[in-house]
Each structure stands twice: as structure tokens, then as C-alpha cells.
């Protein structure tokens, strides 16, 4: 009955060259010496978690986040295209 929720970076073949959000995140990560040691393709998160005993896996992509939370007053806010949130239940 335990739930895991975590954010992760999506593997993308080619990142948008002018995505300022991705550039800013990369810049701030470098300031704090934070490395990305793991990326996964969005269509692989469910098999990845189910093979480790999780079920009821949900994948919330950047597009999902934009549609759900970045409307109205928040419409101008940004979320980088390579960001997602995964949810799984044991």
C-alpha cells in the first residue's frame, strides 16, 4: 500500500535548441555540481517500475503538467519539456 512519487528527466533524442528552461536548469545544476545520473524514455517508465514490483503506475509528462496546472494565472509559467513525474504503488 505504499506509494512512490518522484520526478525524473526524460531521455529525448534531440532537445529543443532554444528551450531557455532547459538551459537555465543546466546552468543552475552546474553551479551546485548536481549531476544527472539517470534518464529514461517516457514510454519506458511503466515497464521500469512494474519490473521492480510497482503497480498502478502513472506517468505525468510536462505536457500533462502544462494542461493541468499551467492555465489561468499560471499560464505564463514554464516547465521544461524533458521533465516528468512518476507514481507507483507497492
Foldseek 3Di string as FASTA:
>chain_A
DDKDKDKAFADDPDFPPPPVVVVVVVVVCVVVVNDHPDHYHQVCPQVVVVVVPWPPKDKQFQVNCCVPPCDDVNVPDHDGRRMIMMMTHD
